[in-house]
C-alpha atoms as a PDB file:
ATOM      1  CA  MET A   1       6.275  84.318  30.488  1.00  0.00           C
ATOM      2  CA  SER A   2       6.548  86.131  26.827  1.00  0.00           C
ATOM      3  CA  THR A   3       8.930  89.269  26.675  1.00  0.00           C
ATOM      4  CA  THR A   4       8.508  91.700  23.437  1.00  0.00           C
ATOM      5  CA  GLY A   5      10.681  93.775  22.826  1.00  0.00           C
ATOM      6  CA  THR A   6      11.130  97.060  20.404  1.00  0.00           C
ATOM      7  CA  ARG A   7      12.742  96.371  17.087  1.00  0.00           C
ATOM      8  CA  PRO A   8      14.886  99.203  16.055  1.00  0.00           C
ATOM      9  CA  ALA A   9      13.827 101.174  13.442  1.00  0.00           C
ATOM     10  CA  ARG A  10      14.972 101.119  10.006  1.00  0.00           C
ATOM     11  CA  PRO A  11      16.970 103.916   8.713  1.00  0.00           C
ATOM     12  CA  GLY A  12      14.844 105.635   5.986  1.00  0.00           C
ATOM     13  CA  PRO A  13      16.316 107.691   2.370  1.00  0.00           C
ATOM     14  CA  PRO A  14      18.034 110.484   3.212  1.00  0.00           C
ATOM     15  CA  PRO A  15      16.183 113.844   3.503  1.00  0.00           C
ATOM     16  CA  THR A  16      16.292 115.312   0.241  1.00  0.00           C
ATOM     17  CA  ALA A  17      18.742 117.986   1.112  1.00  0.00           C
ATOM     18  CA  LEU A  18      21.208 115.522   1.796  1.00  0.00           C
ATOM     19  CA  ARG A  19      20.743 113.966  -1.198  1.00  0.00           C
ATOM     20  CA  GLY A  20      21.034 116.634  -3.319  1.00  0.00           C
ATOM     21  CA  GLU A  21      24.378 117.608  -1.166  1.00  0.00           C
ATOM     22  CA  ARG A  22      25.471 114.104  -2.237  1.00  0.00           C
ATOM     23  CA  ARG A  23      25.715 114.968  -6.237  1.00  0.00           C
ATOM     24  CA  VAL A  24      28.451 115.788  -7.755  1.00  0.00           C
ATOM     25  CA  PRO A  25      28.703 119.458  -9.219  1.00  0.00           C
ATOM     26  CA  ARG A  26      28.559 120.454 -12.741  1.00  0.00           C
ATOM     27  CA  VAL A  27      31.819 122.006 -12.335  1.00  0.00           C
ATOM     28  CA  PHE A  28      33.500 118.901 -11.282  1.00  0.00           C
ATOM     29  CA  TYR A  29      32.804 117.345 -14.376  1.00  0.00           C
ATOM     30  CA  LEU A  30      33.698 120.627 -16.171  1.00  0.00           C
ATOM     31  CA  MET A  31      37.056 120.586 -14.839  1.00  0.00           C
ATOM     32  CA  VAL A  32      38.241 116.874 -14.888  1.00  0.00           C
ATOM     33  CA  LEU A  33      36.623 115.723 -18.208  1.00  0.00           C
ATOM     34  CA  PRO A  34      39.111 117.840 -20.689  1.00  0.00           C
ATOM     35  CA  ALA A  35      42.156 116.530 -18.614  1.00  0.00           C
ATOM     36  CA  LEU A  36      41.043 113.283 -18.942  1.00  0.00           C
ATOM     37  CA  ALA A  37      40.790 113.728 -22.726  1.00  0.00           C
ATOM     38  CA  LEU A  38      44.224 115.105 -23.222  1.00  0.00           C
ATOM     39  CA  PHE A  39      45.218 112.465 -20.993  1.00  0.00           C
ATOM     40  CA  ALA A  40      43.596 109.954 -22.725  1.00  0.00           C
ATOM     41  CA  VAL A  41      44.866 111.394 -26.539  1.00  0.00           C
ATOM     42  CA  PHE A  42      48.501 111.867 -25.372  1.00  0.00           C
ATOM     43  CA  HIS A  43      49.582 109.394 -22.864  1.00  0.00           C
ATOM     44  CA  THR A  44      47.029 106.479 -23.389  1.00  0.00           C
ATOM     45  CA  VAL A  45      46.174 106.421 -27.319  1.00  0.00           C
ATOM     46  CA  PRO A  46      50.290 106.668 -27.799  1.00  0.00           C
ATOM     47  CA  LEU A  47      50.745 103.686 -25.187  1.00  0.00           C
ATOM     48  CA  LEU A  48      48.644 101.243 -26.913  1.00  0.00           C
ATOM     49  CA  THR A  49      49.684 102.331 -30.399  1.00  0.00           C
ATOM     50  CA  GLY A  50      52.814 101.362 -29.274  1.00  0.00           C
ATOM     51  CA  MET A  51      51.691  97.964 -27.882  1.00  0.00           C
ATOM     52  CA  PHE A  52      50.285  97.197 -30.869  1.00  0.00           C
ATOM     53  CA  PHE A  53      52.983  97.888 -33.199  1.00  0.00           C
ATOM     54  CA  SER A  54      55.475  95.719 -30.730  1.00  0.00           C
ATOM     55  CA  LEU A  55      53.851  92.424 -32.026  1.00  0.00           C
ATOM     56  CA  THR A  56      54.600  93.676 -35.801  1.00  0.00           C
ATOM     57  CA  ASN A  57      57.761  93.730 -37.778  1.00  0.00           C
ATOM     58  CA  TYR A  58      57.339  97.629 -38.810  1.00  0.00           C
ATOM     59  CA  ALA A  59      60.510  99.500 -39.353  1.00  0.00           C
ATOM     60  CA  GLY A  60      58.854 102.804 -39.278  1.00  0.00           C
ATOM     61  CA  TYR A  61      58.379 103.443 -42.596  1.00  0.00           C
ATOM     62  CA  GLY A  62      56.246 101.474 -45.277  1.00  0.00           C
ATOM     63  CA  GLU A  63      54.243  98.210 -45.272  1.00  0.00           C
ATOM     64  CA  TRP A  64      54.031  96.030 -42.088  1.00  0.00           C
ATOM     65  CA  SER A  65      52.564  92.539 -41.259  1.00  0.00           C
ATOM     66  CA  PHE A  66      52.308  90.988 -37.633  1.00  0.00           C
ATOM     67  CA  VAL A  67      55.358  88.511 -35.625  1.00  0.00           C
ATOM     68  CA  GLY A  68      53.005  87.937 -32.390  1.00  0.00           C
ATOM     69  CA  LEU A  69      55.547  87.570 -30.093  1.00  0.00           C
ATOM     70  CA  THR A  70      59.048  87.353 -31.666  1.00  0.00           C
ATOM     71  CA  ASN A  71      59.904  90.988 -30.726  1.00  0.00           C
ATOM     72  CA  TYR A  72      59.701  90.101 -27.469  1.00  0.00           C
ATOM     73  CA  ALA A  73      61.643  86.747 -27.481  1.00  0.00           C
ATOM     74  CA  ASN A  74      64.401  88.502 -30.064  1.00  0.00           C
ATOM     75  CA  LEU A  75      64.822  90.795 -26.980  1.00  0.00           C
ATOM     76  CA  PHE A  76      66.475  87.895 -24.535  1.00  0.00           C
ATOM     77  CA  GLY A  77      68.859  86.817 -27.257  1.00  0.00           C
ATOM     78  CA  ASP A  78      70.414  90.306 -27.952  1.00  0.00           C
ATOM     79  CA  ASP A  79      73.820  91.222 -26.716  1.00  0.00           C
ATOM     80  CA  ARG A  80      73.299  95.065 -27.038  1.00  0.00           C
ATOM     81  CA  ILE A  81      70.478  95.098 -25.311  1.00  0.00           C
ATOM     82  CA  TYR A  82      71.748  93.507 -22.237  1.00  0.00           C
ATOM     83  CA  GLY A  83      74.598  95.712 -22.184  1.00  0.00           C
ATOM     84  CA  ALA A  84      71.924  98.293 -22.704  1.00  0.00           C
ATOM     85  CA  TYR A  85      70.325  97.029 -19.559  1.00  0.00           C
ATOM     86  CA  GLY A  86      74.141  96.395 -17.521  1.00  0.00           C
ATOM     87  CA  PHE A  87      74.881 100.116 -17.932  1.00  0.00           C
ATOM     88  CA  THR A  88      71.228 101.276 -16.814  1.00  0.00           C
ATOM     89  CA  PHE A  89      70.997  99.536 -14.063  1.00  0.00           C
ATOM     90  CA  LEU A  90      74.668 100.446 -12.507  1.00  0.00           C
ATOM     91  CA  PHE A  91      74.279 103.982 -13.379  1.00  0.00           C
ATOM     92  CA  ALA A  92      70.965 104.480 -11.704  1.00  0.00           C
ATOM     93  CA  ILE A  93      72.343 102.586  -8.498  1.00  0.00           C
ATOM     94  CA  VAL A  94      75.295 104.546  -8.402  1.00  0.00           C
ATOM     95  CA  SER A  95      73.449 108.143  -8.986  1.00  0.00           C
ATOM     96  CA  THR A  96      70.684 106.956  -6.777  1.00  0.00           C
ATOM     97  CA  VAL A  97      72.838 106.051  -3.638  1.00  0.00           C
ATOM     98  CA  ALA A  98      74.764 109.377  -4.172  1.00  0.00           C
ATOM     99  CA  VAL A  99      72.233 111.698  -4.407  1.00  0.00           C
ATOM    100  CA  ASN A 100      70.541 110.746  -1.550  1.00  0.00           C
ATOM    101  CA  ILE A 101      72.866 110.901   0.735  1.00  0.00           C
ATOM    102  CA  ILE A 102      74.376 114.411  -0.724  1.00  0.00           C
ATOM    103  CA  ALA A 103      71.010 115.507  -1.100  1.00  0.00           C
ATOM    104  CA  LEU A 104      70.193 114.375   2.789  1.00  0.00           C
ATOM    105  CA  ALA A 105      73.912 116.185   3.591  1.00  0.00           C
ATOM    106  CA  VAL A 106      73.139 119.617   2.261  1.00  0.00           C
ATOM    107  CA  ALA A 107      69.207 119.260   3.525  1.00  0.00           C
ATOM    108  CA  ILE A 108      70.725 118.750   7.410  1.00  0.00           C
ATOM    109  CA  ALA A 109      72.793 122.003   6.993  1.00  0.00           C
ATOM    110  CA  LEU A 110      70.345 123.957   5.326  1.00  0.00           C
ATOM    111  CA  ASN A 111      67.763 122.973   8.297  1.00  0.00           C
ATOM    112  CA  GLY A 112      70.713 124.308  10.683  1.00  0.00           C
ATOM    113  CA  ARG A 113      70.979 127.421  12.618  1.00  0.00           C
ATOM    114  CA  ILE A 114      72.436 129.336   9.976  1.00  0.00           C
ATOM    115  CA  ARG A 115      72.700 132.708   8.231  1.00  0.00           C
ATOM    116  CA  PHE A 116      71.063 133.866   4.801  1.00  0.00           C
ATOM    117  CA  LYS A 117      69.196 130.100   5.004  1.00  0.00           C
ATOM    118  CA  THR A 118      66.552 131.376   3.011  1.00  0.00           C
ATOM    119  CA  GLY A 119      69.160 132.362   0.241  1.00  0.00           C
ATOM    120  CA  PHE A 120      71.171 129.505  -0.098  1.00  0.00           C
ATOM    121  CA  ARG A 121      67.859 127.306  -0.191  1.00  0.00           C
ATOM    122  CA  GLY A 122      66.953 129.155  -3.226  1.00  0.00           C
ATOM    123  CA  ILE A 123      70.854 129.104  -4.814  1.00  0.00           C
ATOM    124  CA  PHE A 124      70.726 125.265  -4.015  1.00  0.00           C
ATOM    125  CA  PHE A 125      67.239 124.752  -5.736  1.00  0.00           C
ATOM    126  CA  ILE A 126      68.902 126.790  -9.693  1.00  0.00           C
ATOM    127  CA  PRO A 127      69.659 123.204 -11.168  1.00  0.00           C
ATOM    128  CA  ASN A 128      66.201 121.841 -10.969  1.00  0.00           C
ATOM    129  CA  ILE A 129      65.354 124.437 -12.854  1.00  0.00           C
ATOM    130  CA  LEU A 130      67.521 124.438 -16.081  1.00  0.00           C
ATOM    131  CA  SER A 131      67.569 122.721 -19.144  1.00  0.00           C
ATOM    132  CA  ILE A 132      69.892 119.475 -18.224  1.00  0.00           C
ATOM    133  CA  LEU A 133      70.608 119.023 -22.180  1.00  0.00           C
ATOM    134  CA  ILE A 134      72.312 122.870 -21.918  1.00  0.00           C
ATOM    135  CA  VAL A 135      74.069 122.129 -18.732  1.00  0.00           C
ATOM    136  CA  GLY A 136      75.094 118.864 -20.170  1.00  0.00           C
ATOM    137  CA  TYR A 137      76.833 120.928 -23.040  1.00  0.00           C
ATOM    138  CA  VAL A 138      78.327 122.826 -20.074  1.00  0.00           C
ATOM    139  CA  PHE A 139      80.028 119.907 -18.015  1.00  0.00           C
ATOM    140  CA  ASN A 140      80.786 118.371 -21.691  1.00  0.00           C
ATOM    141  CA  TYR A 141      83.720 121.806 -21.880  1.00  0.00           C
ATOM    142  CA  LEU A 142      84.459 121.650 -18.333  1.00  0.00           C
ATOM    143  CA  PHE A 143      85.205 118.128 -18.554  1.00  0.00           C
ATOM    144  CA  SER A 144      86.855 118.124 -22.001  1.00  0.00           C
ATOM    145  CA  ASN A 145      88.895 121.953 -21.094  1.00  0.00           C
ATOM    146  CA  SER A 146      88.769 122.983 -18.038  1.00  0.00           C
ATOM    147  CA  VAL A 147      89.093 120.240 -15.910  1.00  0.00           C
ATOM    148  CA  PRO A 148      92.512 118.729 -17.988  1.00  0.00           C
ATOM    149  CA  ALA A 149      94.031 121.933 -17.764  1.00  0.00           C
ATOM    150  CA  ILE A 150      93.311 122.587 -13.617  1.00  0.00           C
ATOM    151  CA  ALA A 151      94.630 119.454 -13.420  1.00  0.00           C
ATOM    152  CA  GLU A 152      97.705 119.549 -15.605  1.00  0.00           C
ATOM    153  CA  ALA A 153      98.537 122.956 -13.764  1.00  0.00           C
ATOM    154  CA  LEU A 154      98.153 121.164 -10.688  1.00  0.00           C
ATOM    155  CA  GLY A 155     100.173 117.897 -11.226  1.00  0.00           C
ATOM    156  CA  ILE A 156      97.368 115.764 -11.019  1.00  0.00           C
ATOM    157  CA  THR A 157      98.167 113.151 -14.275  1.00  0.00           C
ATOM    158  CA  ALA A 158      94.694 111.285 -13.819  1.00  0.00           C
ATOM    159  CA  LEU A 159      92.720 114.353 -14.601  1.00  0.00           C
ATOM    160  CA  THR A 160      94.971 115.700 -17.845  1.00  0.00           C
ATOM    161  CA  THR A 161      92.925 113.954 -20.414  1.00  0.00           C
ATOM    162  CA  SER A 162      89.248 114.155 -20.344  1.00  0.00           C
ATOM    163  CA  ILE A 163      87.159 111.476 -18.267  1.00  0.00           C
ATOM    164  CA  LEU A 164      85.191 111.341 -21.434  1.00  0.00           C
ATOM    165  CA  ALA A 165      87.556 110.952 -23.872  1.00  0.00           C
ATOM    166  CA  SER A 166      87.645 106.650 -22.277  1.00  0.00           C
ATOM    167  CA  PRO A 167      85.127 104.416 -21.945  1.00  0.00           C
ATOM    168  CA  ASP A 168      86.129 103.351 -18.160  1.00  0.00           C
ATOM    169  CA  THR A 169      85.450 106.701 -16.681  1.00  0.00           C
ATOM    170  CA  ALA A 170      83.053 108.352 -19.209  1.00  0.00           C
ATOM    171  CA  TRP A 171      80.299 107.225 -17.393  1.00  0.00           C
ATOM    172  CA  ILE A 172      81.388 109.193 -13.969  1.00  0.00           C
ATOM    173  CA  GLY A 173      80.719 111.932 -15.956  1.00  0.00           C
ATOM    174  CA  VAL A 174      77.472 110.964 -16.703  1.00  0.00           C
ATOM    175  CA  VAL A 175      76.597 109.879 -12.581  1.00  0.00           C
ATOM    176  CA  ILE A 176      78.057 113.657 -11.750  1.00  0.00           C
ATOM    177  CA  LEU A 177      76.094 115.746 -13.802  1.00  0.00           C
ATOM    178  CA  SER A 178      72.882 113.753 -12.963  1.00  0.00           C
ATOM    179  CA  VAL A 179      73.888 113.849  -9.088  1.00  0.00           C
ATOM    180  CA  TRP A 180      74.328 117.539  -9.715  1.00  0.00           C
ATOM    181  CA  GLN A 181      71.199 118.462 -11.590  1.00  0.00           C
ATOM    182  CA  ALA A 182      68.732 115.604  -9.380  1.00  0.00           C
ATOM    183  CA  ALA A 183      70.187 116.654  -6.200  1.00  0.00           C
ATOM    184  CA  ALA A 184      68.382 120.317  -6.179  1.00  0.00           C
ATOM    185  CA  PHE A 185      64.589 118.464  -5.850  1.00  0.00           C
ATOM    186  CA  ASN A 186      65.513 115.659  -3.554  1.00  0.00           C
ATOM    187  CA  ILE A 187      67.180 118.332  -1.064  1.00  0.00           C
ATOM    188  CA  ILE A 188      63.654 120.378  -1.020  1.00  0.00           C
ATOM    189  CA  ILE A 189      61.973 116.775  -0.215  1.00  0.00           C
ATOM    190  CA  TYR A 190      64.553 116.226   2.489  1.00  0.00           C
ATOM    191  CA  LEU A 191      64.062 119.507   4.202  1.00  0.00           C
ATOM    192  CA  ALA A 192      59.965 119.490   4.146  1.00  0.00           C
ATOM    193  CA  GLY A 193      60.612 116.144   6.143  1.00  0.00           C
ATOM    194  CA  LEU A 194      62.881 117.826   8.546  1.00  0.00           C
ATOM    195  CA  GLN A 195      60.768 120.160   8.989  1.00  0.00           C
ATOM    196  CA  THR A 196      58.295 118.501  10.351  1.00  0.00           C
ATOM    197  CA  ILE A 197      60.210 117.317  13.169  1.00  0.00           C
ATOM    198  CA  PRO A 198      59.923 118.635  16.725  1.00  0.00           C
ATOM    199  CA  GLY A 199      62.669 120.451  18.184  1.00  0.00           C
ATOM    200  CA  GLU A 200      61.775 118.992  22.000  1.00  0.00           C
ATOM    201  CA  LEU A 201      62.965 115.969  20.596  1.00  0.00           C
ATOM    202  CA  TYR A 202      66.437 117.474  19.960  1.00  0.00           C
ATOM    203  CA  GLU A 203      66.253 119.278  23.175  1.00  0.00           C
ATOM    204  CA  ALA A 204      65.655 115.992  25.297  1.00  0.00           C
ATOM    205  CA  ALA A 205      67.622 114.160  23.680  1.00  0.00           C
ATOM    206  CA  SER A 206      70.865 116.608  23.924  1.00  0.00           C
ATOM    207  CA  LEU A 207      70.059 116.888  27.358  1.00  0.00           C
ATOM    208  CA  ASP A 208      70.262 112.898  27.687  1.00  0.00           C
ATOM    209  CA  GLY A 209      73.340 113.470  26.442  1.00  0.00           C
ATOM    210  CA  ALA A 210      72.969 112.365  22.503  1.00  0.00           C
ATOM    211  CA  SER A 211      75.523 112.895  20.168  1.00  0.00           C
ATOM    212  CA  PRO A 212      74.814 114.387  16.887  1.00  0.00           C
ATOM    213  CA  TRP A 213      75.050 111.085  15.248  1.00  0.00           C
ATOM    214  CA  LYS A 214      72.648 109.498  17.651  1.00  0.00           C
ATOM    215  CA  GLN A 215      70.334 112.092  17.344  1.00  0.00           C
ATOM    216  CA  PHE A 216      70.408 111.957  13.523  1.00  0.00           C
ATOM    217  CA  THR A 217      70.213 107.585  13.641  1.00  0.00           C
ATOM    218  CA  SER A 218      67.815 107.622  16.706  1.00  0.00           C
ATOM    219  CA  ILE A 219      65.585 110.737  15.515  1.00  0.00           C
ATOM    220  CA  THR A 220      66.249 112.600  12.548  1.00  0.00           C
ATOM    221  CA  PHE A 221      66.500 109.496   9.738  1.00  0.00           C
ATOM    222  CA  PRO A 222      63.736 107.506  11.714  1.00  0.00           C
ATOM    223  CA  MET A 223      61.624 110.791  11.555  1.00  0.00           C
ATOM    224  CA  ILE A 224      61.652 110.896   7.480  1.00  0.00           C
ATOM    225  CA  GLY A 225      61.620 107.917   6.930  1.00  0.00           C
ATOM    226  CA  ALA A 226      58.776 108.418   4.304  1.00  0.00           C
ATOM    227  CA  PHE A 227      60.337 111.267   2.534  1.00  0.00           C
ATOM    228  CA  PHE A 228      63.411 108.612   2.288  1.00  0.00           C
ATOM    229  CA  THR A 229      61.261 106.541   0.880  1.00  0.00           C
ATOM    230  CA  ILE A 230      59.842 108.472  -1.811  1.00  0.00           C
ATOM    231  CA  ASN A 231      63.346 109.838  -3.004  1.00  0.00           C
ATOM    232  CA  MET A 232      64.615 106.728  -3.344  1.00  0.00           C
ATOM    233  CA  VAL A 233      62.057 105.498  -5.295  1.00  0.00           C
ATOM    234  CA  LEU A 234      61.728 108.675  -7.364  1.00  0.00           C
ATOM    235  CA  SER A 235      65.126 108.837  -8.136  1.00  0.00           C
ATOM    236  CA  LEU A 236      65.403 105.427  -8.979  1.00  0.00           C
ATOM    237  CA  LYS A 237      62.823 105.573 -11.879  1.00  0.00           C
ATOM    238  CA  ASN A 238      64.178 109.077 -12.947  1.00  0.00           C
ATOM    239  CA  PHE A 239      67.827 107.327 -13.347  1.00  0.00           C
ATOM    240  CA  LEU A 240      66.514 104.587 -15.038  1.00  0.00           C
ATOM    241  CA  GLN A 241      65.353 106.534 -17.648  1.00  0.00           C
ATOM    242  CA  VAL A 242      68.966 108.657 -18.326  1.00  0.00           C
ATOM    243  CA  PHE A 243      68.562 110.403 -21.710  1.00  0.00           C
ATOM    244  CA  ASP A 244      69.484 113.935 -21.720  1.00  0.00           C
ATOM    245  CA  GLN A 245      72.598 113.399 -20.278  1.00  0.00           C
ATOM    246  CA  ILE A 246      74.204 110.683 -22.264  1.00  0.00           C
ATOM    247  CA  ILE A 247      73.187 112.813 -25.110  1.00  0.00           C
ATOM    248  CA  SER A 248      74.954 116.140 -24.413  1.00  0.00           C
ATOM    249  CA  LEU A 249      78.152 114.000 -22.362  1.00  0.00           C
ATOM    250  CA  THR A 250      79.002 110.636 -24.333  1.00  0.00           C
ATOM    251  CA  ALA A 251      76.453 110.334 -27.327  1.00  0.00           C
ATOM    252  CA  GLY A 252      76.598 106.858 -26.006  1.00  0.00           C
ATOM    253  CA  GLY A 253      79.810 106.327 -26.646  1.00  0.00           C
ATOM    254  CA  HIS A 254      82.990 105.140 -26.924  1.00  0.00           C
ATOM    255  CA  GLY A 255      81.354 102.323 -28.454  1.00  0.00           C
ATOM    256  CA  THR A 256      78.110 101.170 -26.791  1.00  0.00           C
ATOM    257  CA  SER A 257      79.825 101.716 -23.306  1.00  0.00           C
ATOM    258  CA  THR A 258      77.071 104.341 -22.003  1.00  0.00           C
ATOM    259  CA  GLU A 259      74.431 103.641 -24.193  1.00  0.00           C
ATOM    260  CA  SER A 260      71.436 103.617 -21.810  1.00  0.00           C
ATOM    261  CA  ILE A 261      68.224 101.835 -23.026  1.00  0.00           C
ATOM    262  CA  SER A 262      66.157 105.204 -23.618  1.00  0.00           C
ATOM    263  CA  LEU A 263      69.241 106.041 -26.196  1.00  0.00           C
ATOM    264  CA  LEU A 264      68.825 102.346 -27.719  1.00  0.00           C
ATOM    265  CA  ILE A 265      65.208 102.205 -28.137  1.00  0.00           C
ATOM    266  CA  TYR A 266      65.240 105.674 -29.234  1.00  0.00           C
ATOM    267  CA  ARG A 267      68.133 105.412 -32.201  1.00  0.00           C
ATOM    268  CA  GLY A 268      67.136 101.503 -32.651  1.00  0.00           C
ATOM    269  CA  GLY A 269      63.230 103.022 -33.089  1.00  0.00           C
ATOM    270  CA  PHE A 270      64.138 106.219 -35.003  1.00  0.00           C
ATOM    271  CA  GLN A 271      67.497 105.871 -36.789  1.00  0.00           C
ATOM    272  CA  GLY A 272      67.746 102.305 -37.346  1.00  0.00           C
ATOM    273  CA  GLY A 273      64.520 101.184 -38.714  1.00  0.00           C
ATOM    274  CA  GLU A 274      63.806  98.602 -35.951  1.00  0.00           C
ATOM    275  CA  TYR A 275      60.411 100.365 -34.887  1.00  0.00           C
ATOM    276  CA  GLY A 276      58.695  97.640 -34.142  1.00  0.00           C
ATOM    277  CA  TYR A 277      61.270  95.986 -32.464  1.00  0.00           C
ATOM    278  CA  GLN A 278      62.489  98.641 -30.334  1.00  0.00           C
ATOM    279  CA  THR A 279      58.604  99.282 -29.141  1.00  0.00           C
ATOM    280  CA  ALA A 280      58.708  95.849 -27.933  1.00  0.00           C
ATOM    281  CA  ASN A 281      61.898  97.034 -26.210  1.00  0.00           C
ATOM    282  CA  ALA A 282      59.880  99.858 -24.743  1.00  0.00           C
ATOM    283  CA  VAL A 283      56.864  98.108 -23.536  1.00  0.00           C
ATOM    284  CA  LEU A 284      59.048  95.551 -21.696  1.00  0.00           C
ATOM    285  CA  TYR A 285      60.921  98.155 -20.234  1.00  0.00           C
ATOM    286  CA  LEU A 286      58.029 100.034 -18.774  1.00  0.00           C
ATOM    287  CA  PHE A 287      56.628  96.750 -16.863  1.00  0.00           C
ATOM    288  CA  VAL A 288      60.438  96.454 -15.522  1.00  0.00           C
ATOM    289  CA  ILE A 289      60.519  99.857 -14.414  1.00  0.00           C
ATOM    290  CA  ILE A 290      56.507  99.495 -12.846  1.00  0.00           C
ATOM    291  CA  ALA A 291      57.937  96.401 -10.787  1.00  0.00           C
ATOM    292  CA  ILE A 292      61.239  97.303  -9.731  1.00  0.00           C
ATOM    293  CA  SER A 293      59.051 100.952  -8.257  1.00  0.00           C
ATOM    294  CA  PHE A 294      56.537  98.923  -6.385  1.00  0.00           C
ATOM    295  CA  ILE A 295      59.252  96.571  -4.851  1.00  0.00           C
ATOM    296  CA  GLN A 296      61.123  99.193  -3.663  1.00  0.00           C
ATOM    297  CA  LEU A 297      58.269 100.510  -2.385  1.00  0.00           C
ATOM    298  CA  ARG A 298      56.876  97.952  -0.495  1.00  0.00           C
ATOM    299  CA  ILE A 299      59.998  96.826   0.702  1.00  0.00           C
ATOM    300  CA  LEU A 300      61.184 100.602   1.917  1.00  0.00           C
ATOM    301  CA  GLN A 301      57.682 100.936   3.784  1.00  0.00           C
ATOM    302  CA  ARG A 302      58.618  97.679   5.710  1.00  0.00           C
ATOM    303  CA  ARG A 303      61.745  99.595   6.889  1.00  0.00           C
ATOM    304  CA  GLU A 304      59.375 102.793   7.854  1.00  0.00           C
ATOM    305  CA  ALA A 305      57.302 100.515  10.153  1.00  0.00           C
ATOM    306  CA  SER A 306      59.847  98.865  11.687  1.00  0.00           C
ATOM    307  CA  PHE A 307      61.877 102.024  13.159  1.00  0.00           C
END
């Protein structure tokens, strides 16, 4: 006894109308191609040019020749490079932790039932739209004149001299300015996350007798895990590129105690006749930041999944 079945019909080509719908509209290319061209001209081409000159002994002027990977090898024997890396990473880690603690606390306060909530949100966002270089000079005046005068009047001996005048405390001034300016953006991100949490969760927790701290650790923080990851990654990346704050407060001093990697690259490359050498430093630092951001993102995303 033999059985015969009917074979399923093969799907034919899509109708002409559907094929027409899948075509990318010409306006898409008209909008994307100019942006792509500008990105290539002002980002990709300079990046590739910098990588090229990192393999030369170019001083920024005159003749040059290829030196291969000599610049990269010399970076690992340069004490000034190690000093800049040490200061930059210490500053970035301290600032990242501080700005996220402060921003999360302020965001929770601004998300509560308080009067003039919208006005306060606007006030706290103002630092984000100010020029960090100009604000830095204002802070320089405050640290050098106002704070010592107030401390002297109050009898606080430790603050009667500017914290920028000592190589041991100058970095604290850079941290204060950087955290003050960066907190505004982080507050906005945390506020966006807090508004995604259903209010019913807090009502149920209150009925169960959960304390405010228990509600924070069991509801608030787990629910804004993705926003915490974004803020941590962006904060560390931005702080690793610190430049304007140092220029306006200490200019890298005293000596090189507050010299960041970006400032070292700028000084050596554009003022010290080390264009090729510092370009190699910049290329290496680019890959260091990419690697740190990738590792940080993977660790924090796993942390989100464990909540």
